[in-house]
C-alpha atoms as a PDB file:
ATOM      1  CA  UNK A   1       0.000   0.000   0.000  1.00  0.00           C
ATOM      2  CA  UNK A   2       2.825   2.383   0.855  1.00  0.00           C
ATOM      3  CA  UNK A   3       4.597   1.574  -2.362  1.00  0.00           C
ATOM      4  CA  UNK A   4       1.472   2.268  -4.379  1.00  0.00           C
ATOM      5  CA  UNK A   5       0.952   5.595  -2.611  1.00  0.00           C
ATOM      6  CA  UNK A   6       4.545   6.533  -3.080  1.00  0.00           C
ATOM      7  CA  UNK A   7       4.333   5.696  -6.775  1.00  0.00           C
ATOM      8  CA  UNK A   8       1.212   7.832  -7.290  1.00  0.00           C
ATOM      9  CA  UNK A   9       2.778  10.718  -5.402  1.00  0.00           C
ATOM     10  CA  UNK A  10       5.904  10.509  -7.510  1.00  0.00           C
ATOM     11  CA  UNK A  11       3.864  10.490 -10.712  1.00  0.00           C
ATOM     12  CA  UNK A  12       1.859  13.516  -9.585  1.00  0.00           C
ATOM     13  CA  UNK A  13       5.074  15.458  -8.847  1.00  0.00           C
ATOM     14  CA  UNK A  14       6.435  14.583 -12.305  1.00  0.00           C
ATOM     15  CA  UNK A  15       3.237  15.827 -13.989  1.00  0.00           C
ATOM     16  CA  UNK A  16       3.360  19.073 -12.023  1.00  0.00           C
ATOM     17  CA  UNK A  17       6.997  19.582 -12.962  1.00  0.00           C
ATOM     18  CA  UNK A  18       6.277  19.028 -16.668  1.00  0.00           C
ATOM     19  CA  UNK A  19       3.288  21.376 -16.493  1.00  0.00           C
ATOM     20  CA  UNK A  20       5.341  24.071 -14.829  1.00  0.00           C
ATOM     21  CA  UNK A  21       8.093  23.741 -17.471  1.00  0.00           C
ATOM     22  CA  UNK A  22       5.623  23.988 -20.346  1.00  0.00           C
ATOM     23  CA  UNK A  23       3.939  27.022 -18.798  1.00  0.00           C
ATOM     24  CA  UNK A  24       7.256  28.897 -18.409  1.00  0.00           C
ATOM     25  CA  UNK A  25       8.316  28.096 -21.967  1.00  0.00           C
ATOM     26  CA  UNK A  26       4.990  29.195 -23.410  1.00  0.00           C
ATOM     27  CA  UNK A  27       5.051  32.453 -21.419  1.00  0.00           C
ATOM     28  CA  UNK A  28       8.524  33.310 -22.756  1.00  0.00           C
ATOM     29  CA  UNK A  29       7.418  32.781 -26.340  1.00  0.00           C
ATOM     30  CA  UNK A  30       4.383  34.976 -25.832  1.00  0.00           C
ATOM     31  CA  UNK A  31       6.560  37.756 -24.441  1.00  0.00           C
ATOM     32  CA  UNK A  32       8.363  37.964 -27.822  1.00  0.00           C
ATOM     33  CA  UNK A  33       5.170  38.366 -29.797  1.00  0.00           C
ATOM     34  CA  UNK A  34       3.923  41.959 -30.419  1.00  0.00           C
ATOM     35  CA  UNK A  35       0.220  42.231 -29.779  1.00  0.00           C
ATOM     36  CA  UNK A  36      -1.736  42.943 -32.964  1.00  0.00           C
ATOM     37  CA  UNK A  37      -3.142  46.110 -31.482  1.00  0.00           C
ATOM     38  CA  UNK A  38       0.339  47.620 -31.148  1.00  0.00           C
ATOM     39  CA  UNK A  39       1.594  46.868 -34.685  1.00  0.00           C
ATOM     40  CA  UNK A  40       2.258  49.938 -36.817  1.00  0.00           C
ATOM     41  CA  UNK A  41       1.831  49.608 -40.585  1.00  0.00           C
ATOM     42  CA  UNK A  42       3.757  52.180 -42.636  1.00  0.00           C
ATOM     43  CA  UNK A  43       2.343  52.845 -46.071  1.00  0.00           C
ATOM     44  CA  UNK A  44       4.515  54.724 -48.534  1.00  0.00           C
ATOM     45  CA  UNK A  45       2.398  56.959 -50.731  1.00  0.00           C
ATOM     46  CA  UNK A  46       3.377  57.465 -54.367  1.00  0.00           C
ATOM     47  CA  UNK A  47       4.985  60.841 -55.212  1.00  0.00           C
ATOM     48  CA  UNK A  48       2.437  63.581 -55.805  1.00  0.00           C
ATOM     49  CA  UNK A  49       1.563  64.146 -59.426  1.00  0.00           C
ATOM     50  CA  UNK A  50       1.425  67.905 -58.891  1.00  0.00           C
ATOM     51  CA  UNK A  51       4.466  70.042 -59.727  1.00  0.00           C
ATOM     52  CA  UNK A  52       5.803  72.893 -57.627  1.00  0.00           C
ATOM     53  CA  UNK A  53       4.365  76.212 -58.767  1.00  0.00           C
ATOM     54  CA  UNK A  54       7.752  77.329 -60.080  1.00  0.00           C
ATOM     55  CA  UNK A  55       7.846  74.358 -62.447  1.00  0.00           C
ATOM     56  CA  UNK A  56       4.387  74.901 -63.878  1.00  0.00           C
ATOM     57  CA  UNK A  57       4.187  76.756 -67.197  1.00  0.00           C
ATOM     58  CA  UNK A  58       2.806  80.240 -66.829  1.00  0.00           C
ATOM     59  CA  UNK A  59      -0.298  80.626 -68.958  1.00  0.00           C
ATOM     60  CA  UNK A  60       0.096  83.300 -71.613  1.00  0.00           C
ATOM     61  CA  UNK A  61      -2.718  85.607 -72.537  1.00  0.00           C
ATOM     62  CA  UNK A  62      -3.597  85.870 -76.210  1.00  0.00           C
ATOM     63  CA  UNK A  63      -5.709  88.956 -75.637  1.00  0.00           C
ATOM     64  CA  UNK A  64      -4.190  92.198 -76.886  1.00  0.00           C
ATOM     65  CA  UNK A  65      -4.440  95.370 -74.775  1.00  0.00           C
ATOM     66  CA  UNK A  66      -7.113  97.913 -75.642  1.00  0.00           C
ATOM     67  CA  UNK A  67      -4.595 100.324 -77.129  1.00  0.00           C
ATOM     68  CA  UNK A  68      -0.922 100.544 -77.995  1.00  0.00           C
ATOM     69  CA  UNK A  69       1.411 102.973 -79.762  1.00  0.00           C
ATOM     70  CA  UNK A  70       4.973 102.612 -80.972  1.00  0.00           C
ATOM     71  CA  UNK A  71       6.402 105.926 -79.838  1.00  0.00           C
ATOM     72  CA  UNK A  72       8.988 108.232 -81.416  1.00  0.00           C
ATOM     73  CA  UNK A  73       8.285 107.024 -84.934  1.00  0.00           C
ATOM     74  CA  UNK A  74       9.577 109.509 -87.531  1.00  0.00           C
ATOM     75  CA  UNK A  75       7.464 110.969 -90.311  1.00  0.00           C
ATOM     76  CA  UNK A  76       7.887 112.614 -93.668  1.00  0.00           C
ATOM     77  CA  UNK A  77       5.628 112.177 -96.664  1.00  0.00           C
ATOM     78  CA  UNK A  78       6.696 110.494 -99.893  1.00  0.00           C
ATOM     79  CA  UNK A  79       6.905 113.992-101.413  1.00  0.00           C
ATOM     80  CA  UNK A  80       8.817 115.788 -98.645  1.00  0.00           C
ATOM     81  CA  UNK A  81       9.253 118.912-100.744  1.00  0.00           C
ATOM     82  CA  UNK A  82       5.581 118.783-101.832  1.00  0.00           C
ATOM     83  CA  UNK A  83       6.704 117.921-105.369  1.00  0.00           C
ATOM     84  CA  UNK A  84       4.120 115.372-106.493  1.00  0.00           C
ATOM     85  CA  UNK A  85       5.754 114.417-109.782  1.00  0.00           C
ATOM     86  CA  UNK A  86       5.630 110.883-111.177  1.00  0.00           C
ATOM     87  CA  UNK A  87       8.634 109.690-109.174  1.00  0.00           C
ATOM     88  CA  UNK A  88       7.229 110.852-105.844  1.00  0.00           C
ATOM     89  CA  UNK A  89       3.706 109.803-106.739  1.00  0.00           C
ATOM     90  CA  UNK A  90       5.008 106.215-106.923  1.00  0.00           C
ATOM     91  CA  UNK A  91       7.320 106.367-103.899  1.00  0.00           C
ATOM     92  CA  UNK A  92       5.050 105.133-101.093  1.00  0.00           C
ATOM     93  CA  UNK A  93       6.954 101.848-100.777  1.00  0.00           C
ATOM     94  CA  UNK A  94      10.311 103.600-100.575  1.00  0.00           C
ATOM     95  CA  UNK A  95       9.060 106.236 -98.136  1.00  0.00           C
ATOM     96  CA  UNK A  96       7.462 103.642 -95.849  1.00  0.00           C
ATOM     97  CA  UNK A  97      10.678 101.659 -95.864  1.00  0.00           C
ATOM     98  CA  UNK A  98      12.804 104.728 -95.100  1.00  0.00           C
ATOM     99  CA  UNK A  99      10.681 105.700 -92.091  1.00  0.00           C
ATOM    100  CA  UNK A 100      10.827 102.152 -90.749  1.00  0.00           C
ATOM    101  CA  UNK A 101      14.601 101.933 -91.212  1.00  0.00           C
ATOM    102  CA  UNK A 102      15.176 105.237 -89.454  1.00  0.00           C
ATOM    103  CA  UNK A 103      12.941 104.193 -86.568  1.00  0.00           C
ATOM    104  CA  UNK A 104      14.784 100.892 -86.136  1.00  0.00           C
ATOM    105  CA  UNK A 105      18.019 102.859 -85.944  1.00  0.00           C
ATOM    106  CA  UNK A 106      16.634 105.393 -83.435  1.00  0.00           C
ATOM    107  CA  UNK A 107      16.944 108.267 -85.891  1.00  0.00           C
ATOM    108  CA  UNK A 108      14.669 111.073 -86.955  1.00  0.00           C
ATOM    109  CA  UNK A 109      14.520 112.051 -90.621  1.00  0.00           C
ATOM    110  CA  UNK A 110      14.535 115.571 -91.999  1.00  0.00           C
ATOM    111  CA  UNK A 111      12.871 116.761 -95.187  1.00  0.00           C
ATOM    112  CA  UNK A 112      16.214 116.811 -97.003  1.00  0.00           C
ATOM    113  CA  UNK A 113      17.255 113.384 -95.733  1.00  0.00           C
ATOM    114  CA  UNK A 114      13.934 111.925 -96.823  1.00  0.00           C
ATOM    115  CA  UNK A 115      14.301 113.399-100.295  1.00  0.00           C
ATOM    116  CA  UNK A 116      17.894 112.193-100.600  1.00  0.00           C
ATOM    117  CA  UNK A 117      16.990 108.672 -99.486  1.00  0.00           C
ATOM    118  CA  UNK A 118      14.051 108.431-101.898  1.00  0.00           C
ATOM    119  CA  UNK A 119      16.228 109.559-104.815  1.00  0.00           C
ATOM    120  CA  UNK A 120      19.017 107.121-103.939  1.00  0.00           C
ATOM    121  CA  UNK A 121      16.614 104.238-103.474  1.00  0.00           C
ATOM    122  CA  UNK A 122      14.806 104.867-106.762  1.00  0.00           C
ATOM    123  CA  UNK A 123      18.146 105.122-108.596  1.00  0.00           C
ATOM    124  CA  UNK A 124      19.225 101.825-107.034  1.00  0.00           C
ATOM    125  CA  UNK A 125      16.043 100.145-108.269  1.00  0.00           C
ATOM    126  CA  UNK A 126      16.550 101.464-111.811  1.00  0.00           C
ATOM    127  CA  UNK A 127      20.191 100.338-111.869  1.00  0.00           C
ATOM    128  CA  UNK A 128      19.537  96.900-110.379  1.00  0.00           C
ATOM    129  CA  UNK A 129      15.954  96.073-111.349  1.00  0.00           C
ATOM    130  CA  UNK A 130      15.637  98.063-114.544  1.00  0.00           C
ATOM    131  CA  UNK A 131      12.797 100.360-113.494  1.00  0.00           C
ATOM    132  CA  UNK A 132      11.001 102.206-110.713  1.00  0.00           C
ATOM    133  CA  UNK A 133       7.655 100.491-110.311  1.00  0.00           C
ATOM    134  CA  UNK A 134       5.046  99.433-107.797  1.00  0.00           C
ATOM    135  CA  UNK A 135       6.478  96.839-105.412  1.00  0.00           C
ATOM    136  CA  UNK A 136       4.856  93.824-103.822  1.00  0.00           C
ATOM    137  CA  UNK A 137       5.445  93.112-100.146  1.00  0.00           C
ATOM    138  CA  UNK A 138       8.052  90.528-101.099  1.00  0.00           C
ATOM    139  CA  UNK A 139       9.864  92.997-103.352  1.00  0.00           C
ATOM    140  CA  UNK A 140       9.737  95.644-100.628  1.00  0.00           C
ATOM    141  CA  UNK A 141      11.420  93.187 -98.268  1.00  0.00           C
ATOM    142  CA  UNK A 142      14.066  92.490-100.900  1.00  0.00           C
ATOM    143  CA  UNK A 143      14.664  96.231-101.260  1.00  0.00           C
ATOM    144  CA  UNK A 144      15.120  96.593 -97.502  1.00  0.00           C
ATOM    145  CA  UNK A 145      17.655  93.785 -97.513  1.00  0.00           C
ATOM    146  CA  UNK A 146      19.560  94.933-100.606  1.00  0.00           C
ATOM    147  CA  UNK A 147      19.572  98.692-100.022  1.00  0.00           C
ATOM    148  CA  UNK A 148      19.816  98.917 -96.235  1.00  0.00           C
ATOM    149  CA  UNK A 149      21.024  95.469 -95.261  1.00  0.00           C
ATOM    150  CA  UNK A 150      17.932  95.038 -93.077  1.00  0.00           C
ATOM    151  CA  UNK A 151      17.192  91.336 -92.749  1.00  0.00           C
ATOM    152  CA  UNK A 152      15.214  90.990 -89.541  1.00  0.00           C
ATOM    153  CA  UNK A 153      11.769  91.052 -91.090  1.00  0.00           C
ATOM    154  CA  UNK A 154       8.998  88.580 -91.804  1.00  0.00           C
ATOM    155  CA  UNK A 155       6.243  88.383 -94.388  1.00  0.00           C
ATOM    156  CA  UNK A 156       2.940  87.054 -93.075  1.00  0.00           C
ATOM    157  CA  UNK A 157       0.035  86.123 -95.313  1.00  0.00           C
ATOM    158  CA  UNK A 158      -3.716  85.650 -94.862  1.00  0.00           C
ATOM    159  CA  UNK A 159      -3.680  87.999 -91.912  1.00  0.00           C
ATOM    160  CA  UNK A 160      -6.452  89.358 -89.698  1.00  0.00           C
ATOM    161  CA  UNK A 161      -6.614  92.787 -88.077  1.00  0.00           C
ATOM    162  CA  UNK A 162      -5.777  91.085 -84.775  1.00  0.00           C
ATOM    163  CA  UNK A 163      -2.550  89.792 -86.327  1.00  0.00           C
ATOM    164  CA  UNK A 164      -1.583  93.382 -87.114  1.00  0.00           C
ATOM    165  CA  UNK A 165      -2.314  94.470 -83.544  1.00  0.00           C
ATOM    166  CA  UNK A 166      -0.279  91.639 -82.032  1.00  0.00           C
ATOM    167  CA  UNK A 167       2.804  92.687 -84.010  1.00  0.00           C
ATOM    168  CA  UNK A 168       2.352  96.301 -82.955  1.00  0.00           C
ATOM    169  CA  UNK A 169       2.119  95.265 -79.281  1.00  0.00           C
ATOM    170  CA  UNK A 170       5.474  93.534 -79.716  1.00  0.00           C
ATOM    171  CA  UNK A 171       6.887  96.904 -80.815  1.00  0.00           C
ATOM    172  CA  UNK A 172       7.190  95.827 -84.450  1.00  0.00           C
ATOM    173  CA  UNK A 173       6.229  98.333 -87.177  1.00  0.00           C
ATOM    174  CA  UNK A 174       4.106  96.750 -89.891  1.00  0.00           C
ATOM    175  CA  UNK A 175       4.210  97.822 -93.535  1.00  0.00           C
ATOM    176  CA  UNK A 176       0.799  97.155 -95.055  1.00  0.00           C
ATOM    177  CA  UNK A 177      -0.048  97.110 -98.778  1.00  0.00           C
ATOM    178  CA  UNK A 178      -3.457  98.450 -99.738  1.00  0.00           C
ATOM    179  CA  UNK A 179      -5.829  99.132-102.583  1.00  0.00           C
ATOM    180  CA  UNK A 180      -5.420 102.828-101.879  1.00  0.00           C
ATOM    181  CA  UNK A 181      -8.775 104.047-103.111  1.00  0.00           C
ATOM    182  CA  UNK A 182     -10.572 101.783-100.658  1.00  0.00           C
ATOM    183  CA  UNK A 183      -9.013 103.738 -97.792  1.00  0.00           C
ATOM    184  CA  UNK A 184     -11.141 106.784 -98.548  1.00  0.00           C
ATOM    185  CA  UNK A 185      -8.532 109.217 -97.253  1.00  0.00           C
ATOM    186  CA  UNK A 186      -9.815 112.748 -98.006  1.00  0.00           C
ATOM    187  CA  UNK A 187      -6.229 114.063 -98.061  1.00  0.00           C
ATOM    188  CA  UNK A 188      -5.342 112.054-101.165  1.00  0.00           C
ATOM    189  CA  UNK A 189      -5.394 113.815-104.479  1.00  0.00           C
ATOM    190  CA  UNK A 190      -8.487 112.571-106.284  1.00  0.00           C
ATOM    191  CA  UNK A 191      -9.141 109.802-107.123  1.00  0.00           C
ATOM    192  CA  UNK A 192      -6.368 108.493-104.860  1.00  0.00           C
ATOM    193  CA  UNK A 193      -3.677 105.907-105.514  1.00  0.00           C
ATOM    194  CA  UNK A 194      -4.617 102.539-106.977  1.00  0.00           C
ATOM    195  CA  UNK A 195      -1.932 100.914-104.843  1.00  0.00           C
ATOM    196  CA  UNK A 196      -0.539 102.342-101.628  1.00  0.00           C
ATOM    197  CA  UNK A 197       1.562 101.355 -98.602  1.00  0.00           C
ATOM    198  CA  UNK A 198       1.284 102.580 -95.024  1.00  0.00           C
ATOM    199  CA  UNK A 199       3.173 101.774 -91.815  1.00  0.00           C
ATOM    200  CA  UNK A 200       0.977 100.614 -88.922  1.00  0.00           C
ATOM    201  CA  UNK A 201       2.397 101.770 -85.578  1.00  0.00           C
ATOM    202  CA  UNK A 202      -0.522 101.703 -83.151  1.00  0.00           C
ATOM    203  CA  UNK A 203      -4.204 101.253 -82.454  1.00  0.00           C
ATOM    204  CA  UNK A 204      -6.948 102.189 -80.037  1.00  0.00           C
ATOM    205  CA  UNK A 205     -10.650 101.476 -79.845  1.00  0.00           C
ATOM    206  CA  UNK A 206     -11.611 100.566 -83.432  1.00  0.00           C
ATOM    207  CA  UNK A 207      -8.875 102.502 -85.223  1.00  0.00           C
ATOM    208  CA  UNK A 208      -5.436 101.627 -86.549  1.00  0.00           C
ATOM    209  CA  UNK A 209      -2.795 104.358 -86.300  1.00  0.00           C
ATOM    210  CA  UNK A 210      -0.455 104.586 -89.287  1.00  0.00           C
ATOM    211  CA  UNK A 211       2.256 106.688 -90.816  1.00  0.00           C
ATOM    212  CA  UNK A 212       0.598 107.414 -94.160  1.00  0.00           C
ATOM    213  CA  UNK A 213       3.271 108.800 -96.442  1.00  0.00           C
ATOM    214  CA  UNK A 214       0.674 109.609 -99.113  1.00  0.00           C
ATOM    215  CA  UNK A 215      -0.196 112.925 -97.480  1.00  0.00           C
ATOM    216  CA  UNK A 216       1.548 115.629 -95.502  1.00  0.00           C
ATOM    217  CA  UNK A 217      -1.188 115.061 -92.910  1.00  0.00           C
ATOM    218  CA  UNK A 218      -0.302 111.404 -92.578  1.00  0.00           C
ATOM    219  CA  UNK A 219       1.579 111.552 -89.263  1.00  0.00           C
ATOM    220  CA  UNK A 220      -0.292 109.245 -86.843  1.00  0.00           C
ATOM    221  CA  UNK A 221      -3.228 109.086 -89.218  1.00  0.00           C
ATOM    222  CA  UNK A 222      -6.179 107.032 -87.993  1.00  0.00           C
ATOM    223  CA  UNK A 223      -8.119 104.566 -90.117  1.00  0.00           C
ATOM    224  CA  UNK A 224     -11.157 102.663 -88.984  1.00  0.00           C
ATOM    225  CA  UNK A 225      -9.876  99.106 -88.587  1.00  0.00           C
ATOM    226  CA  UNK A 226     -12.624  97.628 -90.765  1.00  0.00           C
ATOM    227  CA  UNK A 227     -11.925 100.091 -93.578  1.00  0.00           C
ATOM    228  CA  UNK A 228      -8.186  99.452 -93.378  1.00  0.00           C
ATOM    229  CA  UNK A 229      -8.594  95.688 -93.270  1.00  0.00           C
ATOM    230  CA  UNK A 230     -10.937  95.745 -96.237  1.00  0.00           C
ATOM    231  CA  UNK A 231      -8.317  97.725 -98.172  1.00  0.00           C
ATOM    232  CA  UNK A 232      -5.384  95.391 -97.438  1.00  0.00           C
ATOM    233  CA  UNK A 233      -4.301  93.891-100.770  1.00  0.00           C
ATOM    234  CA  UNK A 234      -0.858  93.120-102.107  1.00  0.00           C
ATOM    235  CA  UNK A 235       0.127  94.361-105.557  1.00  0.00           C
ATOM    236  CA  UNK A 236      -0.977  91.964-108.291  1.00  0.00           C
ATOM    237  CA  UNK A 237       0.783  93.717-111.158  1.00  0.00           C
ATOM    238  CA  UNK A 238      -2.504  94.909-112.615  1.00  0.00           C
ATOM    239  CA  UNK A 239      -4.643  97.831-111.382  1.00  0.00           C
ATOM    240  CA  UNK A 240      -7.747  95.978-112.529  1.00  0.00           C
ATOM    241  CA  UNK A 241      -7.136  93.100-110.111  1.00  0.00           C
ATOM    242  CA  UNK A 242      -5.719  94.982-107.138  1.00  0.00           C
ATOM    243  CA  UNK A 243      -8.665  93.955-104.972  1.00  0.00           C
ATOM    244  CA  UNK A 244      -7.740  90.323-105.566  1.00  0.00           C
ATOM    245  CA  UNK A 245      -4.362  90.857-103.932  1.00  0.00           C
ATOM    246  CA  UNK A 246      -3.475  88.806-100.873  1.00  0.00           C
ATOM    247  CA  UNK A 247      -3.961  90.127 -97.356  1.00  0.00           C
ATOM    248  CA  UNK A 248      -0.366  90.274 -96.224  1.00  0.00           C
ATOM    249  CA  UNK A 249       2.041  92.363 -94.166  1.00  0.00           C
ATOM    250  CA  UNK A 250       5.752  93.034 -93.792  1.00  0.00           C
ATOM    251  CA  UNK A 251       6.787  92.948 -90.123  1.00  0.00           C
ATOM    252  CA  UNK A 252      10.094  94.522 -89.059  1.00  0.00           C
ATOM    253  CA  UNK A 253      11.604  93.273 -85.801  1.00  0.00           C
ATOM    254  CA  UNK A 254      14.052  95.340 -83.820  1.00  0.00           C
END
């Protein structure tokens, strides 16, 4: 009986010992496990698609201001001595070019200088082109390049009146070819020139401001923009078809 009791007691002690060992081991393992409630999940967001303001393109406005004027633009008429002979009657292209050249070089032009320049330019045309005649916009550009060495210009075709204004806002004088009689300028000798060039230098409200070399009163002369635009026609070589001429302009950049 004592042996049996001793055996049972020994077995019970062994079971308790094993249970205690397992409990300690299990507790240690649990101490190394982070409770789910304390886990921190770090999520890396993708870089923002937005750019810093300095890297964003600045939107440009296509709207022109309500008015603009190229200042200090010289003026003399194509007949500076009021001698409206055949040579001077056909010198609007030369005179417009002279005024533009002098402006680009920050120079004023006197009556005598204007006359001298017109005479020299016409003589150059006769010597190199065989005659003094009406010039297209392209030929006027060629004259500027050959006579003055001016090359920083651009011919633009199929233009609108807004195109003219945009060039003026940039500070660029614009030589415009016209069917002169459509301008309706009361200062022209009747019936007015079939073909005529003016230099657009400004605008305000519904008017375009030009240097109109066809009259002594042409300094900062104002044309209604619709009338001027309707009159814009390049030289076709034939007075009968002048109103079929292209709407074009010669833009000089400084």
